[in-house]
Amino acid sequence: MGGALFLSGTYSTLSKLTFDNNWANSGGTIYIEGASTTILTELNVVKSRAATDGGFIYAKEATANSVIIKVNTVPINIKDSQAVSGNGGAIYIDAPNA
């Protein structure tokens, strides 16, 4: 789970990072679980793969503030992200109570 990061019950800001060639069963680069808030800004993602869901990010049991993506000034670049046999080539948010 999460080829680079596994976040559970955290408040995280990820900014000005490059993720290259990550792989996991779910959440090829980042796996977010439960009551976590993750803010993403100015990221470069290249070759992120998940065997099932969420080629780049998988957010399990997500809440309204689980994943906040800020692209108002500098974009997040996602290239070659894939969920091989599942859903969400780049991002999959599992929100059972939504």
Protein backbone atom coordinates (compact mmCIF):
# COMPACT_ATOMS: atom_id res chain seq x y z
CA MET A 1 0.00 0.00 0.00
CA GLY A 2 1.50 3.27 -1.12
CA GLY A 3 4.68 2.83 -3.15
CA ALA A 4 6.26 5.91 -1.54
CA LEU A 5 3.96 7.02 1.31
CA PHE A 6 1.37 5.47 3.63
CA LEU A 7 -0.55 8.13 5.58
CA SER A 8 -3.00 7.24 8.35
CA GLY A 9 -4.55 9.71 10.79
CA THR A 10 -2.19 12.50 9.75
CA TYR A 11 -2.29 16.07 8.52
CA SER A 12 0.31 16.34 5.75
CA THR A 13 1.37 18.91 3.21
CA LEU A 14 3.33 17.60 0.25
CA SER A 15 4.89 20.34 -1.84
CA LYS A 16 7.68 20.73 -4.41
CA LEU A 17 8.34 16.99 -4.69
CA THR A 18 8.99 14.58 -7.52
CA PHE A 19 7.79 10.98 -7.37
CA ASP A 20 9.26 8.74 -10.06
CA ASN A 21 8.63 5.07 -10.81
CA ASN A 22 6.52 4.03 -7.82
CA TRP A 23 4.44 0.86 -7.61
CA ALA A 24 2.09 -0.71 -5.06
CA ASN A 25 -0.97 -2.93 -4.92
CA SER A 26 -3.19 0.09 -4.09
CA GLY A 27 -2.07 3.71 -4.29
CA GLY A 28 0.92 3.47 -6.57
CA THR A 29 2.62 6.43 -4.89
CA ILE A 30 0.43 7.50 -1.94
CA TYR A 31 -2.04 5.52 0.17
CA ILE A 32 -4.21 7.63 2.49
CA GLU A 33 -6.30 5.93 5.14
CA GLY A 34 -9.23 7.21 7.20
CA ALA A 35 -9.22 10.55 8.97
CA SER A 36 -6.20 12.03 7.24
CA THR A 37 -5.90 15.35 5.48
CA THR A 38 -3.35 15.60 2.70
CA ILE A 39 -2.67 18.84 0.85
CA LEU A 40 -0.86 18.48 -2.48
CA THR A 41 0.85 21.36 -4.29
CA GLU A 42 3.57 21.62 -6.94
CA LEU A 43 4.15 17.91 -7.51
CA ASN A 44 5.65 16.00 -10.42
CA VAL A 45 4.56 12.39 -10.71
CA VAL A 46 6.06 10.09 -13.34
CA LYS A 47 5.35 6.38 -13.83
CA SER A 48 3.07 5.69 -10.90
CA ARG A 49 1.35 2.28 -10.98
CA ALA A 50 -1.11 0.36 -8.83
CA ALA A 51 -2.01 -3.27 -9.41
CA THR A 52 -5.60 -2.46 -8.43
CA ASP A 53 -6.96 1.02 -7.56
CA GLY A 54 -5.41 4.50 -7.54
CA GLY A 55 -2.43 4.67 -9.86
CA PHE A 56 -1.09 7.73 -8.00
CA ILE A 57 -3.32 8.07 -4.89
CA TYR A 58 -5.72 5.73 -3.13
CA ALA A 59 -7.77 7.32 -0.34
CA LYS A 60 -9.52 4.65 1.74
CA GLU A 61 -12.57 5.57 3.82
CA ALA A 62 -12.11 9.15 2.72
CA THR A 63 -13.83 12.12 4.31
CA ALA A 64 -14.60 15.49 2.74
CA ASN A 65 -11.10 16.81 3.57
CA SER A 66 -9.03 13.68 2.96
CA VAL A 67 -7.32 14.95 -0.18
CA ILE A 68 -6.99 18.64 -1.00
CA ILE A 69 -5.31 19.40 -4.30
CA LYS A 70 -4.20 22.99 -4.82
CA VAL A 71 -3.47 23.85 -8.43
CA ASN A 72 -4.26 27.55 -8.45
CA THR A 73 -0.67 28.75 -9.02
CA VAL A 74 1.54 25.86 -10.09
CA PRO A 75 0.02 22.69 -11.51
CA ILE A 76 0.50 19.15 -10.37
CA ASN A 77 1.95 17.17 -13.26
CA ILE A 78 0.95 13.52 -13.45
CA LYS A 79 2.43 11.54 -16.33
CA ASP A 80 2.01 7.85 -17.02
CA SER A 81 -0.15 6.93 -14.01
CA GLN A 82 -2.12 3.69 -14.22
CA ALA A 83 -4.42 1.43 -12.21
CA VAL A 84 -3.64 -1.84 -13.97
CA SER A 85 -6.77 -3.84 -13.10
CA GLY A 86 -8.87 -1.40 -11.10
CA ASN A 87 -10.25 2.11 -10.92
CA GLY A 88 -8.73 5.57 -10.82
CA GLY A 89 -5.79 5.72 -13.18
CA ALA A 90 -4.45 8.68 -11.21
CA ILE A 91 -6.68 9.08 -8.13
CA TYR A 92 -9.20 6.73 -6.52
CA ILE A 93 -11.23 8.00 -3.57
CA ASP A 94 -13.18 5.37 -1.64
CA ALA A 95 -15.79 7.36 0.28
CA PRO A 96 -18.44 4.91 1.51
CA ASN A 97 -20.43 7.58 3.32
CA ALA A 98 -20.48 10.10 0.48
